[in-house]
Amino acid sequence: MRLLFEELARDEIRKQAPDTLALLPVGAVEQHGPHLPVGTDRFTVEYIARTAAAEIAAQVPVLVTPTLPFGSSHHHLPFSGTLSLGTETYYRVLSDIAESLVIDGFRRIFILNGHGGNNELIQLVARDLALKHPVNLAAASYWTIAWDGLVTEDAHADAQLPGHSGKFETSLMLALRPDLVREPRPHRDAPRGSDPRSFYSPYRVELHDSWQSIDGFTDSPDQARADTGERYLATIVASTARALIEFYRMTR
C-alpha cells in the first residue's frame, strides 16, 4: 500500500479517505544559524512523518500528505534566507489545506509540526475545523509528542529542547543530512538547558530583538553528534507512531 498522498490517483484517494488517517507535516523555510540549511524544519518533520507512517501502516491505514514547507517565521526575517507567512495568512493557508482533506473525504487528520513558530497556530486550526465539520483532528509538534522520551535521552541537558539550530536540531541534521551541515559549527559557553518537566513554561516571554542578540541560534551547535541525533530520531519516530495509533483508535 502506498503511503504518500501525491502518489495516488483521485479515485484511489476517494476510496481510501473515509477510513484513512491523513498525516499532514508542516515545516518552515527560515534561517538556522550559520551552519544549518534553511530547510531544516521541513527535512526533519518530513522524515519523522514518513518514517512513523511506515511503522504503523500494518496497523493503521495512513497517508502522508506533501509537507507544507512554509511556516510562520516573521521573527527570523531580520536574517537572510527566511520565507515566511504572517500569522493570519498561515492560519488561513493551513486551514484551507486541512479543509481540502475534509472535502476529499478524510475524517481523521493529524497535523505534525516541525517549527516552533507554528506550534500555537496548528492547534487553533485543529480546534476550529473540528467545530466546523464532523471530523476529528489532532495537532502537535514532534518534540512535545516525544518530550518524555527525549528527556530520558538527556536532550534537555545543556541545550534547549528543541531550541533553534542548537545542539538538538544540529544533531538531527547530522544524522539526516550531514552533507548540509556547515563547519565549523559555532560554540557558545555554558549553554542553558531546558526544564525537563514540560515544553510549556508558566508564561510566555517575547523580548524585542532577542533573536538578533543570540545571532539566530540557541545553545552550542558544536556539541551536536550524529549518533546522538540518531537516538533522538528513533525516540521521536517511536513516540509519533504511538500517538498516531492512539489518535486513530480513539476516533473509530
Protein backbone atom coordinates (compact mmCIF):
# COMPACT_ATOMS: atom_id res chain seq x y z
CA MET A 1 0.00 0.00 0.00
CA ARG A 2 1.32 3.43 -0.93
CA LEU A 3 1.86 5.86 1.92
CA LEU A 4 2.29 9.14 0.02
CA PHE A 5 -0.81 11.14 -0.87
CA GLU A 6 0.78 12.58 -4.01
CA GLU A 7 1.48 9.15 -5.49
CA LEU A 8 -2.21 8.16 -5.60
CA ALA A 9 -4.82 8.88 -8.22
CA ARG A 10 -8.02 10.72 -7.34
CA ASP A 11 -10.29 7.64 -7.25
CA GLU A 12 -7.84 5.82 -5.00
CA ILE A 13 -7.87 8.73 -2.57
CA ARG A 14 -11.66 8.96 -2.66
CA LYS A 15 -11.94 5.26 -1.82
CA GLN A 16 -9.38 5.27 0.98
CA ALA A 17 -10.17 8.61 2.63
CA PRO A 18 -13.09 7.70 4.97
CA ASP A 19 -11.12 5.04 6.86
CA THR A 20 -7.62 6.51 6.49
CA LEU A 21 -5.60 8.77 8.75
CA ALA A 22 -4.30 11.81 6.85
CA LEU A 23 -0.95 12.89 8.26
CA LEU A 24 -0.10 16.48 7.34
CA PRO A 25 3.52 17.53 8.09
CA VAL A 26 4.25 21.25 8.35
CA GLY A 27 7.67 22.89 8.47
CA ALA A 28 9.31 26.20 7.64
CA VAL A 29 11.91 27.86 5.42
CA GLU A 30 13.99 30.05 7.70
CA GLN A 31 17.49 30.83 8.83
CA HIS A 32 19.09 28.20 11.03
CA GLY A 33 22.27 29.93 12.09
CA PRO A 34 25.46 29.97 10.00
CA HIS A 35 25.72 26.17 9.91
CA LEU A 36 22.34 24.59 9.09
CA PRO A 37 20.25 24.79 5.89
CA VAL A 38 17.13 26.91 5.80
CA GLY A 39 15.09 23.78 5.04
CA THR A 40 15.99 22.11 8.35
CA ASP A 41 12.43 22.08 9.75
CA ARG A 42 10.99 20.56 6.59
CA PHE A 43 13.71 17.92 6.31
CA THR A 44 13.19 16.75 9.89
CA VAL A 45 9.39 16.74 10.08
CA GLU A 46 9.04 15.08 6.68
CA TYR A 47 11.41 12.29 7.70
CA ILE A 48 9.60 11.79 11.01
CA ALA A 49 6.15 11.75 9.39
CA ARG A 50 7.06 9.32 6.63
CA THR A 51 9.05 7.00 8.87
CA ALA A 52 6.35 6.90 11.57
CA ALA A 53 3.70 6.25 8.91
CA ALA A 54 5.71 3.32 7.55
CA GLU A 55 5.98 1.90 11.08
CA ILE A 56 2.22 1.94 11.70
CA ALA A 57 0.99 1.05 8.22
CA ALA A 58 0.37 -2.58 9.15
CA GLN A 59 -1.92 -1.47 11.99
CA VAL A 60 -3.48 1.78 10.77
CA PRO A 61 -4.37 2.93 7.24
CA VAL A 62 -2.40 6.16 6.78
CA LEU A 63 -1.49 8.61 4.02
CA VAL A 64 1.18 11.29 4.36
CA THR A 65 0.39 14.49 2.50
CA PRO A 66 3.03 16.71 0.91
CA THR A 67 4.78 18.78 3.57
CA LEU A 68 3.73 22.41 3.87
CA PRO A 69 7.23 23.92 3.59
CA PHE A 70 6.43 27.49 4.63
CA GLY A 71 5.71 28.46 8.22
CA SER A 72 5.03 31.43 10.45
CA SER A 73 8.60 32.73 10.69
CA HIS A 74 8.48 36.52 10.76
CA HIS A 75 10.74 36.51 13.84
CA HIS A 76 13.54 35.24 11.58
CA LEU A 77 13.08 37.82 8.81
CA PRO A 78 15.89 40.05 10.16
CA PHE A 79 18.23 37.33 8.91
CA SER A 80 18.71 36.26 5.31
CA GLY A 81 17.15 33.07 3.97
CA THR A 82 13.68 33.22 5.53
CA LEU A 83 10.41 32.79 3.59
CA SER A 84 7.55 33.44 5.99
CA LEU A 85 3.77 33.58 6.13
CA GLY A 86 2.26 36.05 8.59
CA THR A 87 0.15 34.77 11.47
CA GLU A 88 -3.22 35.33 9.81
CA THR A 89 -2.03 34.09 6.43
CA TYR A 90 -0.51 30.93 7.88
CA TYR A 91 -3.68 30.15 9.80
CA ARG A 92 -5.74 30.58 6.64
CA VAL A 93 -3.39 28.55 4.42
CA LEU A 94 -3.23 25.63 6.83
CA SER A 95 -6.99 25.80 7.40
CA ASP A 96 -7.59 25.64 3.65
CA ILE A 97 -5.28 22.65 3.21
CA ALA A 98 -6.81 20.76 6.12
CA GLU A 99 -10.32 21.65 4.94
CA SER A 100 -9.42 20.33 1.49
CA LEU A 101 -8.66 17.00 3.15
CA VAL A 102 -12.07 17.11 4.81
CA ILE A 103 -13.72 17.73 1.43
CA ASP A 104 -11.64 14.89 -0.02
CA GLY A 105 -13.41 12.63 2.47
CA PHE A 106 -10.90 12.24 5.29
CA ARG A 107 -12.40 12.02 8.78
CA ARG A 108 -9.14 11.77 10.72
CA ILE A 109 -6.43 14.39 10.22
CA PHE A 110 -3.23 14.75 12.23
CA ILE A 111 -1.11 17.89 11.76
CA LEU A 112 2.52 17.17 12.67
CA ASN A 113 4.65 20.26 13.17
CA GLY A 114 8.40 20.78 12.83
CA HIS A 115 8.74 24.53 13.51
CA GLY A 116 8.30 26.29 16.84
CA GLY A 117 6.60 29.34 15.34
CA ASN A 118 3.73 27.16 14.09
CA ASN A 119 3.05 25.48 17.42
CA GLU A 120 0.06 27.53 18.61
CA LEU A 121 -1.43 28.07 15.15
CA ILE A 122 -1.72 24.39 14.25
CA GLN A 123 -3.71 23.82 17.44
CA LEU A 124 -6.12 26.63 16.58
CA VAL A 125 -6.65 25.20 13.10
CA ALA A 126 -7.43 21.76 14.54
CA ARG A 127 -9.82 23.19 17.12
CA ASP A 128 -11.71 25.39 14.68
CA LEU A 129 -12.12 22.80 11.92
CA ALA A 130 -13.39 20.19 14.38
CA LEU A 131 -16.04 22.69 15.45
CA LYS A 132 -16.97 23.42 11.83
CA HIS A 133 -17.01 19.88 10.42
CA PRO A 134 -17.99 16.41 11.72
CA VAL A 135 -14.35 15.27 11.63
CA ASN A 136 -11.56 14.55 14.12
CA LEU A 137 -8.29 16.47 14.15
CA ALA A 138 -5.12 16.41 16.20
CA ALA A 139 -2.17 18.77 16.09
CA ALA A 140 1.21 18.62 17.78
CA SER A 141 4.89 19.45 17.38
CA TYR A 142 7.07 16.37 17.25
CA TRP A 143 9.13 17.41 20.28
CA THR A 144 6.07 17.72 22.52
CA ILE A 145 4.90 14.26 21.45
CA ALA A 146 8.33 12.82 22.23
CA TRP A 147 9.15 15.05 25.21
CA ASP A 148 9.37 12.39 27.92
CA GLY A 149 11.47 10.11 25.74
CA LEU A 150 13.81 12.93 24.77
CA VAL A 151 14.26 13.91 28.41
CA THR A 152 15.19 10.29 29.11
CA GLU A 153 17.83 10.72 26.39
CA ASP A 154 19.05 13.90 28.18
CA ALA A 155 18.18 16.02 25.13
CA HIS A 156 17.19 18.82 27.52
CA ALA A 157 20.51 18.90 29.37
CA ASP A 158 22.96 21.67 28.47
CA ALA A 159 20.79 22.52 25.46
CA GLN A 160 17.43 24.00 24.61
CA LEU A 161 14.77 21.46 23.66
CA PRO A 162 14.05 21.82 20.86
CA GLY A 163 15.87 25.15 20.75
CA HIS A 164 16.78 26.56 17.38
CA SER A 165 19.82 25.44 15.41
CA GLY A 166 21.48 24.36 18.64
CA LYS A 167 22.76 21.01 19.85
CA PHE A 168 19.39 19.25 19.41
CA GLU A 169 18.49 20.31 15.86
CA THR A 170 22.10 20.10 14.71
CA SER A 171 22.30 16.52 15.98
CA LEU A 172 19.16 15.66 13.99
CA MET A 173 20.65 17.13 10.84
CA LEU A 174 23.99 15.39 11.38
CA ALA A 175 22.02 12.14 11.43
CA LEU A 176 19.75 13.02 8.49
CA ARG A 177 21.77 15.22 6.14
CA PRO A 178 25.37 15.61 7.31
CA ASP A 179 26.25 16.91 3.85
CA LEU A 180 24.23 20.05 4.60
CA VAL A 181 25.81 20.88 7.97
CA ARG A 182 28.47 23.59 7.58
CA GLU A 183 31.71 23.51 9.51
CA PRO A 184 32.99 24.88 11.73
CA ARG A 185 29.88 24.90 13.87
CA PRO A 186 29.58 27.82 16.31
CA HIS A 187 30.25 27.46 20.01
CA ARG A 188 28.51 29.04 22.99
CA ASP A 189 29.86 28.83 26.53
CA ALA A 190 27.75 27.43 29.39
CA PRO A 191 24.51 26.95 27.44
CA ARG A 192 21.32 26.81 29.49
CA GLY A 193 19.30 23.58 29.48
CA SER A 194 15.53 23.16 29.32
CA ASP A 195 13.16 22.45 32.19
CA PRO A 196 12.62 18.67 31.98
CA ARG A 197 9.02 18.95 33.18
CA SER A 198 7.49 20.41 30.04
CA PHE A 199 7.98 22.31 26.82
CA TYR A 200 5.47 24.84 28.13
CA SER A 201 6.65 27.44 30.65
CA PRO A 202 4.30 29.07 33.20
CA TYR A 203 4.12 32.16 30.99
CA ARG A 204 5.36 33.22 27.59
CA VAL A 205 8.10 35.81 27.19
CA GLU A 206 8.82 37.69 23.96
CA LEU A 207 11.79 40.07 24.03
CA HIS A 208 12.31 42.56 21.23
CA ASP A 209 15.40 41.76 19.10
CA SER A 210 16.02 38.59 21.12
CA TRP A 211 16.89 36.53 18.05
CA GLN A 212 19.39 39.08 16.82
CA SER A 213 21.03 39.14 20.25
CA ILE A 214 21.83 35.42 20.02
CA ASP A 215 22.73 35.50 16.31
CA GLY A 216 19.76 33.31 15.40
CA PHE A 217 20.73 30.10 17.21
CA THR A 218 20.42 28.73 20.75
CA ASP A 219 22.96 26.89 22.94
CA SER A 220 26.06 25.31 21.34
CA PRO A 221 25.81 23.56 17.96
CA ASP A 222 29.39 22.31 18.11
CA GLN A 223 28.31 19.85 20.82
CA ALA A 224 25.98 18.02 18.42
CA ARG A 225 26.75 14.48 17.29
CA ALA A 226 25.31 12.25 14.59
CA ASP A 227 24.90 9.21 16.85
CA THR A 228 23.03 11.35 19.37
CA GLY A 229 20.81 12.60 16.56
CA GLU A 230 20.07 9.03 15.52
CA ARG A 231 18.91 8.19 19.04
CA TYR A 232 16.77 11.31 19.17
CA LEU A 233 15.17 10.48 15.83
CA ALA A 234 14.42 6.91 16.89
CA THR A 235 12.74 8.20 20.05
CA ILE A 236 10.73 10.81 18.12
CA VAL A 237 9.58 8.36 15.45
CA ALA A 238 8.52 5.76 18.02
CA SER A 239 6.62 8.37 20.07
CA THR A 240 4.94 9.78 16.97
CA ALA A 241 3.93 6.32 15.81
CA ARG A 242 2.29 5.62 19.17
CA ALA A 243 0.46 8.96 19.09
CA LEU A 244 -0.89 8.31 15.59
CA ILE A 245 -2.20 4.87 16.56
CA GLU A 246 -3.75 6.27 19.73
CA PHE A 247 -5.47 9.08 17.83
CA TYR A 248 -6.78 6.72 15.14
CA ARG A 249 -8.20 4.25 17.64
CA MET A 250 -9.93 6.88 19.79
CA THR A 251 -11.77 8.18 16.70
CA ARG A 252 -13.29 4.93 15.42
